[in-house]
PDB file of N, CA and C in Angstrom:
ATOM      1  N   UNK A   1      22.955 -11.730 -83.727  1.00  0.00           N
ATOM      2  CA  UNK A   1      22.102 -12.832 -84.128  1.00  0.00           C
ATOM      3  C   UNK A   1      22.932 -14.045 -84.557  1.00  0.00           C
ATOM      4  N   UNK A   2      24.004 -13.784 -85.330  1.00  0.00           N
ATOM      5  CA  UNK A   2      24.864 -14.883 -85.764  1.00  0.00           C
ATOM      6  C   UNK A   2      25.508 -15.590 -84.577  1.00  0.00           C
ATOM      7  N   UNK A   3      25.978 -14.803 -83.592  1.00  0.00           N
ATOM      8  CA  UNK A   3      26.593 -15.420 -82.406  1.00  0.00           C
ATOM      9  C   UNK A   3      25.582 -16.277 -81.659  1.00  0.00           C
ATOM     10  N   UNK A   4      24.352 -15.785 -81.548  1.00  0.00           N
ATOM     11  CA  UNK A   4      23.311 -16.537 -80.846  1.00  0.00           C
ATOM     12  C   UNK A   4      23.005 -17.830 -81.577  1.00  0.00           C
ATOM     13  N   UNK A   5      22.894 -17.758 -82.910  1.00  0.00           N
ATOM     14  CA  UNK A   5      22.629 -18.964 -83.701  1.00  0.00           C
ATOM     15  C   UNK A   5      23.756 -19.976 -83.567  1.00  0.00           C
ATOM     16  N   UNK A   6      24.990 -19.489 -83.624  1.00  0.00           N
ATOM     17  CA  UNK A   6      26.145 -20.377 -83.487  1.00  0.00           C
ATOM     18  C   UNK A   6      26.162 -21.026 -82.104  1.00  0.00           C
ATOM     19  N   UNK A   7      25.869 -20.250 -81.077  1.00  0.00           N
ATOM     20  CA  UNK A   7      25.846 -20.784 -79.718  1.00  0.00           C
ATOM     21  C   UNK A   7      24.776 -21.860 -79.577  1.00  0.00           C
ATOM     22  N   UNK A   8      23.599 -21.604 -80.111  1.00  0.00           N
ATOM     23  CA  UNK A   8      22.525 -22.604 -80.043  1.00  0.00           C
ATOM     24  C   UNK A   8      22.938 -23.860 -80.789  1.00  0.00           C
ATOM     25  N   UNK A   9      23.551 -23.694 -81.969  1.00  0.00           N
ATOM     26  CA  UNK A   9      24.010 -24.854 -82.735  1.00  0.00           C
ATOM     27  C   UNK A   9      25.023 -25.671 -81.938  1.00  0.00           C
ATOM     28  N   UNK A  10      26.002 -24.994 -81.354  1.00  0.00           N
ATOM     29  CA  UNK A  10      27.043 -25.704 -80.609  1.00  0.00           C
ATOM     30  C   UNK A  10      26.470 -26.427 -79.395  1.00  0.00           C
ATOM     31  N   UNK A  11      25.551 -25.779 -78.703  1.00  0.00           N
ATOM     32  CA  UNK A  11      24.958 -26.400 -77.513  1.00  0.00           C
ATOM     33  C   UNK A  11      24.157 -27.624 -77.897  1.00  0.00           C
ATOM     34  N   UNK A  12      23.354 -27.512 -78.977  1.00  0.00           N
ATOM     35  CA  UNK A  12      22.525 -28.650 -79.360  1.00  0.00           C
ATOM     36  C   UNK A  12      23.313 -29.731 -80.077  1.00  0.00           C
ATOM     37  N   UNK A  13      24.491 -29.408 -80.573  1.00  0.00           N
ATOM     38  CA  UNK A  13      25.303 -30.391 -81.298  1.00  0.00           C
ATOM     39  C   UNK A  13      26.187 -31.219 -80.388  1.00  0.00           C
ATOM     40  N   UNK A  14      26.439 -30.766 -79.190  1.00  0.00           N
ATOM     41  CA  UNK A  14      27.336 -31.476 -78.290  1.00  0.00           C
ATOM     42  C   UNK A  14      26.591 -32.658 -77.683  1.00  0.00           C
ATOM     43  N   UNK A  15      27.138 -33.854 -77.892  1.00  0.00           N
ATOM     44  CA  UNK A  15      26.517 -35.051 -77.339  1.00  0.00           C
ATOM     45  C   UNK A  15      27.576 -35.942 -76.721  1.00  0.00           C
ATOM     46  N   UNK A  16      27.136 -36.754 -75.797  1.00  0.00           N
ATOM     47  CA  UNK A  16      27.938 -37.807 -75.196  1.00  0.00           C
ATOM     48  C   UNK A  16      29.163 -37.317 -74.419  1.00  0.00           C
ATOM     49  N   UNK A  17      29.857 -36.323 -74.902  1.00  0.00           N
ATOM     50  CA  UNK A  17      31.114 -35.924 -74.281  1.00  0.00           C
ATOM     51  C   UNK A  17      30.886 -35.452 -72.857  1.00  0.00           C
ATOM     52  N   UNK A  18      31.626 -36.016 -71.971  1.00  0.00           N
ATOM     53  CA  UNK A  18      31.651 -35.647 -70.559  1.00  0.00           C
ATOM     54  C   UNK A  18      30.336 -35.897 -69.830  1.00  0.00           C
ATOM     55  N   UNK A  19      29.196 -35.792 -70.475  1.00  0.00           N
ATOM     56  CA  UNK A  19      27.880 -36.085 -69.886  1.00  0.00           C
ATOM     57  C   UNK A  19      27.732 -35.519 -68.476  1.00  0.00           C
ATOM     58  N   UNK A  20      27.858 -34.194 -68.295  1.00  0.00           N
ATOM     59  CA  UNK A  20      27.857 -33.611 -66.949  1.00  0.00           C
ATOM     60  C   UNK A  20      26.562 -33.800 -66.178  1.00  0.00           C
ATOM     61  N   UNK A  21      25.426 -33.915 -66.872  1.00  0.00           N
ATOM     62  CA  UNK A  21      24.169 -34.071 -66.144  1.00  0.00           C
ATOM     63  C   UNK A  21      23.665 -35.512 -66.132  1.00  0.00           C
ATOM     64  N   UNK A  22      24.440 -36.433 -66.702  1.00  0.00           N
ATOM     65  CA  UNK A  22      24.101 -37.851 -66.632  1.00  0.00           C
ATOM     66  C   UNK A  22      22.983 -38.299 -67.558  1.00  0.00           C
ATOM     67  N   UNK A  23      22.583 -37.476 -68.525  1.00  0.00           N
ATOM     68  CA  UNK A  23      21.442 -37.841 -69.368  1.00  0.00           C
ATOM     69  C   UNK A  23      21.709 -39.056 -70.262  1.00  0.00           C
ATOM     70  N   UNK A  24      23.004 -39.366 -70.524  1.00  0.00           N
ATOM     71  CA  UNK A  24      23.313 -40.504 -71.382  1.00  0.00           C
ATOM     72  C   UNK A  24      23.777 -41.719 -70.596  1.00  0.00           C
ATOM     73  N   UNK A  25      23.690 -41.651 -69.305  1.00  0.00           N
ATOM     74  CA  UNK A  25      24.170 -42.721 -68.437  1.00  0.00           C
ATOM     75  C   UNK A  25      23.546 -44.072 -68.771  1.00  0.00           C
ATOM     76  N   UNK A  26      22.265 -44.086 -69.149  1.00  0.00           N
ATOM     77  CA  UNK A  26      21.572 -45.343 -69.420  1.00  0.00           C
ATOM     78  C   UNK A  26      21.454 -45.652 -70.913  1.00  0.00           C
ATOM     79  N   UNK A  27      22.154 -44.916 -71.745  1.00  0.00           N
ATOM     80  CA  UNK A  27      22.111 -45.174 -73.183  1.00  0.00           C
ATOM     81  C   UNK A  27      22.781 -46.509 -73.485  1.00  0.00           C
ATOM     82  N   UNK A  28      22.188 -47.299 -74.377  1.00  0.00           N
ATOM     83  CA  UNK A  28      22.842 -48.562 -74.745  1.00  0.00           C
ATOM     84  C   UNK A  28      24.174 -48.350 -75.471  1.00  0.00           C
ATOM     85  N   UNK A  29      24.408 -47.148 -76.016  1.00  0.00           N
ATOM     86  CA  UNK A  29      25.671 -46.868 -76.694  1.00  0.00           C
ATOM     87  C   UNK A  29      26.733 -46.282 -75.773  1.00  0.00           C
ATOM     88  N   UNK A  30      26.390 -46.003 -74.521  1.00  0.00           N
ATOM     89  CA  UNK A  30      27.351 -45.371 -73.612  1.00  0.00           C
ATOM     90  C   UNK A  30      28.651 -46.174 -73.471  1.00  0.00           C
ATOM     91  N   UNK A  31      28.601 -47.483 -73.253  1.00  0.00           N
ATOM     92  CA  UNK A  31      29.871 -48.230 -73.139  1.00  0.00           C
ATOM     93  C   UNK A  31      30.724 -48.136 -74.415  1.00  0.00           C
ATOM     94  N   UNK A  32      30.059 -48.119 -75.571  1.00  0.00           N
ATOM     95  CA  UNK A  32      30.780 -47.987 -76.828  1.00  0.00           C
ATOM     96  C   UNK A  32      31.451 -46.621 -76.919  1.00  0.00           C
ATOM     97  N   UNK A  33      30.706 -45.554 -76.605  1.00  0.00           N
ATOM     98  CA  UNK A  33      31.293 -44.218 -76.636  1.00  0.00           C
ATOM     99  C   UNK A  33      32.435 -44.088 -75.627  1.00  0.00           C
ATOM    100  N   UNK A  34      32.288 -44.688 -74.460  1.00  0.00           N
ATOM    101  CA  UNK A  34      33.320 -44.588 -73.422  1.00  0.00           C
ATOM    102  C   UNK A  34      34.658 -45.182 -73.861  1.00  0.00           C
ATOM    103  N   UNK A  35      34.634 -46.176 -74.753  1.00  0.00           N
ATOM    104  CA  UNK A  35      35.881 -46.825 -75.175  1.00  0.00           C
ATOM    105  C   UNK A  35      36.325 -46.398 -76.567  1.00  0.00           C
ATOM    106  N   UNK A  36      35.557 -45.539 -77.236  1.00  0.00           N
ATOM    107  CA  UNK A  36      35.856 -45.133 -78.604  1.00  0.00           C
ATOM    108  C   UNK A  36      37.171 -44.365 -78.667  1.00  0.00           C
ATOM    109  N   UNK A  37      38.062 -44.800 -79.579  1.00  0.00           N
ATOM    110  CA  UNK A  37      39.398 -44.206 -79.679  1.00  0.00           C
ATOM    111  C   UNK A  37      39.733 -43.840 -81.122  1.00  0.00           C
ATOM    112  N   UNK A  38      40.587 -42.836 -81.249  1.00  0.00           N
ATOM    113  CA  UNK A  38      41.140 -42.483 -82.556  1.00  0.00           C
ATOM    114  C   UNK A  38      42.178 -43.529 -82.951  1.00  0.00           C
ATOM    115  N   UNK A  39      42.689 -43.393 -84.163  1.00  0.00           N
ATOM    116  CA  UNK A  39      43.737 -44.320 -84.637  1.00  0.00           C
ATOM    117  C   UNK A  39      44.993 -44.243 -83.782  1.00  0.00           C
ATOM    118  N   UNK A  40      45.261 -43.074 -83.176  1.00  0.00           N
ATOM    119  CA  UNK A  40      46.462 -42.918 -82.345  1.00  0.00           C
ATOM    120  C   UNK A  40      46.230 -43.357 -80.900  1.00  0.00           C
ATOM    121  N   UNK A  41      44.984 -43.750 -80.588  1.00  0.00           N
ATOM    122  CA  UNK A  41      44.685 -44.271 -79.264  1.00  0.00           C
ATOM    123  C   UNK A  41      44.073 -43.277 -78.300  1.00  0.00           C
ATOM    124  N   UNK A  42      43.805 -42.036 -78.738  1.00  0.00           N
ATOM    125  CA  UNK A  42      43.153 -41.053 -77.862  1.00  0.00           C
ATOM    126  C   UNK A  42      41.698 -41.434 -77.653  1.00  0.00           C
ATOM    127  N   UNK A  43      41.249 -41.423 -76.405  1.00  0.00           N
ATOM    128  CA  UNK A  43      39.833 -41.614 -76.137  1.00  0.00           C
ATOM    129  C   UNK A  43      39.086 -40.395 -76.670  1.00  0.00           C
ATOM    130  N   UNK A  44      38.070 -40.636 -77.459  1.00  0.00           N
ATOM    131  CA  UNK A  44      37.360 -39.534 -78.109  1.00  0.00           C
ATOM    132  C   UNK A  44      36.517 -38.719 -77.137  1.00  0.00           C
ATOM    133  N   UNK A  45      35.782 -39.378 -76.282  1.00  0.00           N
ATOM    134  CA  UNK A  45      34.814 -38.686 -75.438  1.00  0.00           C
ATOM    135  C   UNK A  45      35.372 -38.231 -74.098  1.00  0.00           C
ATOM    136  N   UNK A  46      36.620 -38.492 -73.830  1.00  0.00           N
ATOM    137  CA  UNK A  46      37.142 -38.220 -72.498  1.00  0.00           C
ATOM    138  C   UNK A  46      37.328 -36.734 -72.201  1.00  0.00           C
ATOM    139  N   UNK A  47      37.825 -35.959 -73.154  1.00  0.00           N
ATOM    140  CA  UNK A  47      38.082 -34.534 -72.878  1.00  0.00           C
ATOM    141  C   UNK A  47      37.645 -33.635 -74.025  1.00  0.00           C
ATOM    142  N   UNK A  48      36.937 -34.161 -75.002  1.00  0.00           N
ATOM    143  CA  UNK A  48      36.580 -33.361 -76.175  1.00  0.00           C
ATOM    144  C   UNK A  48      35.064 -33.334 -76.357  1.00  0.00           C
ATOM    145  N   UNK A  49      34.588 -32.272 -76.999  1.00  0.00           N
ATOM    146  CA  UNK A  49      33.170 -32.145 -77.284  1.00  0.00           C
ATOM    147  C   UNK A  49      32.849 -32.815 -78.605  1.00  0.00           C
ATOM    148  N   UNK A  50      31.832 -33.669 -78.613  1.00  0.00           N
ATOM    149  CA  UNK A  50      31.421 -34.346 -79.839  1.00  0.00           C
ATOM    150  C   UNK A  50      30.360 -33.545 -80.563  1.00  0.00           C
ATOM    151  N   UNK A  51      30.597 -33.290 -81.833  1.00  0.00           N
ATOM    152  CA  UNK A  51      29.638 -32.573 -82.664  1.00  0.00           C
ATOM    153  C   UNK A  51      29.061 -33.564 -83.662  1.00  0.00           C
ATOM    154  N   UNK A  52      27.739 -33.635 -83.708  1.00  0.00           N
ATOM    155  CA  UNK A  52      27.059 -34.568 -84.594  1.00  0.00           C
ATOM    156  C   UNK A  52      26.761 -33.883 -85.923  1.00  0.00           C
ATOM    157  N   UNK A  53      26.995 -34.602 -87.006  1.00  0.00           N
ATOM    158  CA  UNK A  53      26.703 -34.152 -88.364  1.00  0.00           C
ATOM    159  C   UNK A  53      27.344 -32.817 -88.733  1.00  0.00           C
ATOM    160  N   UNK A  54      28.646 -32.648 -88.465  1.00  0.00           N
ATOM    161  CA  UNK A  54      29.303 -31.419 -88.913  1.00  0.00           C
ATOM    162  C   UNK A  54      29.442 -31.445 -90.440  1.00  0.00           C
ATOM    163  N   UNK A  55      29.587 -30.277 -91.027  1.00  0.00           N
ATOM    164  CA  UNK A  55      29.890 -30.224 -92.454  1.00  0.00           C
ATOM    165  C   UNK A  55      31.317 -30.731 -92.632  1.00  0.00           C
ATOM    166  N   UNK A  56      31.520 -31.614 -93.577  1.00  0.00           N
ATOM    167  CA  UNK A  56      32.851 -32.182 -93.783  1.00  0.00           C
ATOM    168  C   UNK A  56      33.064 -32.464 -95.264  1.00  0.00           C
ATOM    169  N   UNK A  57      34.309 -32.663 -95.627  1.00  0.00           N
ATOM    170  CA  UNK A  57      34.648 -33.006 -96.996  1.00  0.00           C
ATOM    171  C   UNK A  57      35.911 -33.855 -96.984  1.00  0.00           C
ATOM    172  N   UNK A  58      36.089 -34.553 -98.090  1.00  0.00           N
ATOM    173  CA  UNK A  58      37.288 -35.362 -98.277  1.00  0.00           C
ATOM    174  C   UNK A  58      38.004 -34.838 -99.509  1.00  0.00           C
ATOM    175  N   UNK A  59      39.296 -34.617 -99.365  1.00  0.00           N
ATOM    176  CA  UNK A  59      40.085 -34.113-100.470  1.00  0.00           C
ATOM    177  C   UNK A  59      41.436 -34.813-100.474  1.00  0.00           C
ATOM    178  N   UNK A  60      41.784 -35.398-101.584  1.00  0.00           N
ATOM    179  CA  UNK A  60      43.055 -36.110-101.729  1.00  0.00           C
ATOM    180  C   UNK A  60      43.254 -37.159-100.633  1.00  0.00           C
ATOM    181  N   UNK A  61      42.173 -37.836-100.263  1.00  0.00           N
ATOM    182  CA  UNK A  61      42.258 -38.900 -99.274  1.00  0.00           C
ATOM    183  C   UNK A  61      42.322 -38.451 -97.824  1.00  0.00           C
ATOM    184  N   UNK A  62      42.106 -37.159 -97.564  1.00  0.00           N
ATOM    185  CA  UNK A  62      42.134 -36.626 -96.200  1.00  0.00           C
ATOM    186  C   UNK A  62      40.838 -35.879 -95.922  1.00  0.00           C
ATOM    187  N   UNK A  63      40.450 -35.833 -94.661  1.00  0.00           N
ATOM    188  CA  UNK A  63      39.213 -35.182 -94.264  1.00  0.00           C
ATOM    189  C   UNK A  63      39.469 -33.765 -93.757  1.00  0.00           C
ATOM    190  N   UNK A  64      38.433 -32.938 -93.908  1.00  0.00           N
ATOM    191  CA  UNK A  64      38.381 -31.615 -93.300  1.00  0.00           C
ATOM    192  C   UNK A  64      36.986 -31.439 -92.738  1.00  0.00           C
ATOM    193  N   UNK A  65      36.882 -30.707 -91.622  1.00  0.00           N
ATOM    194  CA  UNK A  65      35.609 -30.430 -90.980  1.00  0.00           C
ATOM    195  C   UNK A  65      35.465 -28.912 -90.867  1.00  0.00           C
ATOM    196  N   UNK A  66      34.246 -28.423 -91.153  1.00  0.00           N
ATOM    197  CA  UNK A  66      33.981 -26.988 -91.082  1.00  0.00           C
ATOM    198  C   UNK A  66      33.496 -26.651 -89.675  1.00  0.00           C
ATOM    199  N   UNK A  67      34.344 -25.944 -88.926  1.00  0.00           N
ATOM    200  CA  UNK A  67      34.030 -25.601 -87.535  1.00  0.00           C
ATOM    201  C   UNK A  67      34.343 -24.134 -87.311  1.00  0.00           C
ATOM    202  N   UNK A  68      33.379 -23.457 -86.726  1.00  0.00           N
ATOM    203  CA  UNK A  68      33.549 -22.051 -86.358  1.00  0.00           C
ATOM    204  C   UNK A  68      34.048 -21.202 -87.522  1.00  0.00           C
ATOM    205  N   UNK A  69      33.494 -21.465 -88.713  1.00  0.00           N
ATOM    206  CA  UNK A  69      33.807 -20.655 -89.876  1.00  0.00           C
ATOM    207  C   UNK A  69      35.079 -21.013 -90.607  1.00  0.00           C
ATOM    208  N   UNK A  70      35.724 -22.118 -90.232  1.00  0.00           N
ATOM    209  CA  UNK A  70      36.991 -22.509 -90.857  1.00  0.00           C
ATOM    210  C   UNK A  70      36.996 -23.998 -91.190  1.00  0.00           C
ATOM    211  N   UNK A  71      37.679 -24.333 -92.278  1.00  0.00           N
ATOM    212  CA  UNK A  71      37.921 -25.740 -92.587  1.00  0.00           C
ATOM    213  C   UNK A  71      39.140 -26.189 -91.795  1.00  0.00           C
ATOM    214  N   UNK A  72      38.935 -27.175 -90.937  1.00  0.00           N
ATOM    215  CA  UNK A  72      39.997 -27.703 -90.082  1.00  0.00           C
ATOM    216  C   UNK A  72      40.431 -29.067 -90.625  1.00  0.00           C
ATOM    217  N   UNK A  73      41.725 -29.229 -90.834  1.00  0.00           N
ATOM    218  CA  UNK A  73      42.251 -30.518 -91.286  1.00  0.00           C
ATOM    219  C   UNK A  73      42.105 -31.562 -90.182  1.00  0.00           C
ATOM    220  N   UNK A  74      41.660 -32.731 -90.578  1.00  0.00           N
ATOM    221  CA  UNK A  74      41.568 -33.854 -89.650  1.00  0.00           C
ATOM    222  C   UNK A  74      42.853 -34.668 -89.800  1.00  0.00           C
ATOM    223  N   UNK A  75      43.652 -34.761 -88.749  1.00  0.00           N
ATOM    224  CA  UNK A  75      44.853 -35.605 -88.845  1.00  0.00           C
ATOM    225  C   UNK A  75      44.441 -37.053 -89.127  1.00  0.00           C
ATOM    226  N   UNK A  76      45.191 -37.728 -89.974  1.00  0.00           N
ATOM    227  CA  UNK A  76      44.866 -39.130 -90.270  1.00  0.00           C
ATOM    228  C   UNK A  76      44.782 -39.951 -88.988  1.00  0.00           C
ATOM    229  N   UNK A  77      45.598 -39.611 -88.022  1.00  0.00           N
ATOM    230  CA  UNK A  77      45.613 -40.363 -86.761  1.00  0.00           C
ATOM    231  C   UNK A  77      44.387 -40.083 -85.890  1.00  0.00           C
ATOM    232  N   UNK A  78      43.573 -39.082 -86.255  1.00  0.00           N
ATOM    233  CA  UNK A  78      42.362 -38.769 -85.490  1.00  0.00           C
ATOM    234  C   UNK A  78      41.144 -39.540 -85.994  1.00  0.00           C
ATOM    235  N   UNK A  79      41.281 -40.200 -87.127  1.00  0.00           N
ATOM    236  CA  UNK A  79      40.158 -40.914 -87.718  1.00  0.00           C
ATOM    237  C   UNK A  79      39.889 -42.197 -86.935  1.00  0.00           C
ATOM    238  N   UNK A  80      38.634 -42.389 -86.572  1.00  0.00           N
ATOM    239  CA  UNK A  80      38.208 -43.600 -85.865  1.00  0.00           C
ATOM    240  C   UNK A  80      37.999 -44.688 -86.910  1.00  0.00           C
ATOM    241  N   UNK A  81      38.640 -45.817 -86.706  1.00  0.00           N
ATOM    242  CA  UNK A  81      38.626 -46.901 -87.701  1.00  0.00           C
ATOM    243  C   UNK A  81      37.522 -47.929 -87.466  1.00  0.00           C
ATOM    244  N   UNK A  82      36.985 -47.997 -86.275  1.00  0.00           N
ATOM    245  CA  UNK A  82      35.997 -49.038 -86.012  1.00  0.00           C
ATOM    246  C   UNK A  82      34.630 -48.666 -86.571  1.00  0.00           C
ATOM    247  N   UNK A  83      33.736 -49.645 -86.742  1.00  0.00           N
ATOM    248  CA  UNK A  83      32.416 -49.367 -87.300  1.00  0.00           C
ATOM    249  C   UNK A  83      31.648 -48.331 -86.468  1.00  0.00           C
ATOM    250  N   UNK A  84      30.911 -47.503 -87.171  1.00  0.00           N
ATOM    251  CA  UNK A  84      30.144 -46.421 -86.549  1.00  0.00           C
ATOM    252  C   UNK A  84      28.780 -46.944 -86.108  1.00  0.00           C
ATOM    253  N   UNK A  85      28.614 -47.201 -84.830  1.00  0.00           N
ATOM    254  CA  UNK A  85      27.366 -47.739 -84.302  1.00  0.00           C
ATOM    255  C   UNK A  85      26.275 -46.683 -84.193  1.00  0.00           C
ATOM    256  N   UNK A  86      26.640 -45.412 -84.149  1.00  0.00           N
ATOM    257  CA  UNK A  86      25.640 -44.342 -84.110  1.00  0.00           C
ATOM    258  C   UNK A  86      25.102 -44.079 -85.516  1.00  0.00           C
ATOM    259  N   UNK A  87      25.954 -44.224 -86.519  1.00  0.00           N
ATOM    260  CA  UNK A  87      25.538 -44.039 -87.895  1.00  0.00           C
ATOM    261  C   UNK A  87      25.636 -42.609 -88.397  1.00  0.00           C
ATOM    262  N   UNK A  88      25.987 -41.671 -87.549  1.00  0.00           N
ATOM    263  CA  UNK A  88      26.072 -40.267 -87.933  1.00  0.00           C
ATOM    264  C   UNK A  88      27.525 -39.806 -87.871  1.00  0.00           C
ATOM    265  N   UNK A  89      27.877 -38.867 -88.751  1.00  0.00           N
ATOM    266  CA  UNK A  89      29.225 -38.328 -88.737  1.00  0.00           C
ATOM    267  C   UNK A  89      29.438 -37.556 -87.438  1.00  0.00           C
ATOM    268  N   UNK A  90      30.606 -37.754 -86.835  1.00  0.00           N
ATOM    269  CA  UNK A  90      30.922 -37.039 -85.593  1.00  0.00           C
ATOM    270  C   UNK A  90      32.359 -36.550 -85.624  1.00  0.00           C
ATOM    271  N   UNK A  91      32.550 -35.395 -85.003  1.00  0.00           N
ATOM    272  CA  UNK A  91      33.894 -34.842 -84.822  1.00  0.00           C
ATOM    273  C   UNK A  91      34.012 -34.441 -83.365  1.00  0.00           C
ATOM    274  N   UNK A  92      35.090 -34.852 -82.734  1.00  0.00           N
ATOM    275  CA  UNK A  92      35.373 -34.447 -81.362  1.00  0.00           C
ATOM    276  C   UNK A  92      36.467 -33.398 -81.437  1.00  0.00           C
ATOM    277  N   UNK A  93      36.157 -32.211 -80.954  1.00  0.00           N
ATOM    278  CA  UNK A  93      37.095 -31.101 -81.082  1.00  0.00           C
ATOM    279  C   UNK A  93      37.592 -30.647 -79.723  1.00  0.00           C
ATOM    280  N   UNK A  94      38.762 -30.062 -79.748  1.00  0.00           N
ATOM    281  CA  UNK A  94      39.348 -29.473 -78.551  1.00  0.00           C
ATOM    282  C   UNK A  94      39.616 -28.004 -78.877  1.00  0.00           C
ATOM    283  N   UNK A  95      39.184 -27.143 -77.981  1.00  0.00           N
ATOM    284  CA  UNK A  95      39.421 -25.709 -78.158  1.00  0.00           C
ATOM    285  C   UNK A  95      40.529 -25.281 -77.215  1.00  0.00           C
ATOM    286  N   UNK A  96      41.464 -24.576 -77.736  1.00  0.00           N
ATOM    287  CA  UNK A  96      42.561 -24.014 -76.953  1.00  0.00           C
ATOM    288  C   UNK A  96      43.006 -22.762 -77.670  1.00  0.00           C
ATOM    289  N   UNK A  97      44.293 -22.630 -77.881  1.00  0.00           N
ATOM    290  CA  UNK A  97      44.777 -21.512 -78.687  1.00  0.00           C
ATOM    291  C   UNK A  97      44.236 -21.627 -80.109  1.00  0.00           C
ATOM    292  N   UNK A  98      43.945 -22.837 -80.514  1.00  0.00           N
ATOM    293  CA  UNK A  98      43.317 -23.087 -81.807  1.00  0.00           C
ATOM    294  C   UNK A  98      42.364 -24.265 -81.629  1.00  0.00           C
ATOM    295  N   UNK A  99      41.484 -24.446 -82.584  1.00  0.00           N
ATOM    296  CA  UNK A  99      40.583 -25.599 -82.569  1.00  0.00           C
ATOM    297  C   UNK A  99      41.263 -26.728 -83.330  1.00  0.00           C
ATOM    298  N   UNK A 100      41.264 -27.912 -82.756  1.00  0.00           N
ATOM    299  CA  UNK A 100      41.819 -29.067 -83.457  1.00  0.00           C
ATOM    300  C   UNK A 100      40.917 -30.279 -83.269  1.00  0.00           C
ATOM    301  N   UNK A 101      41.048 -31.224 -84.161  1.00  0.00           N
ATOM    302  CA  UNK A 101      40.207 -32.421 -84.180  1.00  0.00           C
ATOM    303  C   UNK A 101      40.902 -33.533 -83.410  1.00  0.00           C
ATOM    304  N   UNK A 102      40.263 -33.984 -82.347  1.00  0.00           N
ATOM    305  CA  UNK A 102      40.804 -35.085 -81.539  1.00  0.00           C
ATOM    306  C   UNK A 102      40.426 -36.429 -82.163  1.00  0.00           C
ATOM    307  N   UNK A 103      39.163 -36.534 -82.613  1.00  0.00           N
ATOM    308  CA  UNK A 103      38.659 -37.748 -83.240  1.00  0.00           C
ATOM    309  C   UNK A 103      37.661 -37.353 -84.322  1.00  0.00           C
ATOM    310  N   UNK A 104      37.573 -38.192 -85.341  1.00  0.00           N
ATOM    311  CA  UNK A 104      36.616 -37.971 -86.427  1.00  0.00           C
ATOM    312  C   UNK A 104      36.119 -39.318 -86.904  1.00  0.00           C
ATOM    313  N   UNK A 105      34.787 -39.407 -87.098  1.00  0.00           N
ATOM    314  CA  UNK A 105      34.177 -40.657 -87.537  1.00  0.00           C
ATOM    315  C   UNK A 105      33.131 -40.330 -88.596  1.00  0.00           C
ATOM    316  N   UNK A 106      33.321 -40.878 -89.793  1.00  0.00           N
ATOM    317  CA  UNK A 106      32.369 -40.668 -90.886  1.00  0.00           C
ATOM    318  C   UNK A 106      31.103 -41.453 -90.608  1.00  0.00           C
ATOM    319  N   UNK A 107      29.970 -40.861 -90.932  1.00  0.00           N
ATOM    320  CA  UNK A 107      28.686 -41.514 -90.721  1.00  0.00           C
ATOM    321  C   UNK A 107      28.411 -42.600 -91.747  1.00  0.00           C
ATOM    322  N   UNK A 108      27.484 -43.458 -91.399  1.00  0.00           N
ATOM    323  CA  UNK A 108      27.081 -44.532 -92.303  1.00  0.00           C
ATOM    324  C   UNK A 108      25.674 -44.311 -92.819  1.00  0.00           C
ATOM    325  N   UNK A 109      24.959 -43.313 -92.279  1.00  0.00           N
ATOM    326  CA  UNK A 109      23.600 -43.033 -92.717  1.00  0.00           C
ATOM    327  C   UNK A 109      23.640 -42.165 -93.968  1.00  0.00           C
ATOM    328  N   UNK A 110      22.709 -42.369 -94.847  1.00  0.00           N
ATOM    329  CA  UNK A 110      22.643 -41.542 -96.052  1.00  0.00           C
ATOM    330  C   UNK A 110      21.434 -40.652 -96.019  1.00  0.00           C
TER     331      UNK A 110
END
């Protein structure tokens, strides 16, 4: 049951990234997402899955995101510095031998 719930959460949380079925092609925010970059210059949506409203915290001036049962450190260079036009917190993650944060953007909605 837990695996099923997690799978449903991950599927419904993934937005904008890669857009394989073209559902976001006509979104007014698509051009913004296409050019969105981390502080180090990585394109956020190019190869990573975007998760909307992940659990996150800030400690000693650094961010962490709770993903797949673990608190993952957000590298300072992964933080998106430009204004958040979506208004929701987002984390773009890459899964490999480990999960890491490619981009992170704090939300502006309360």
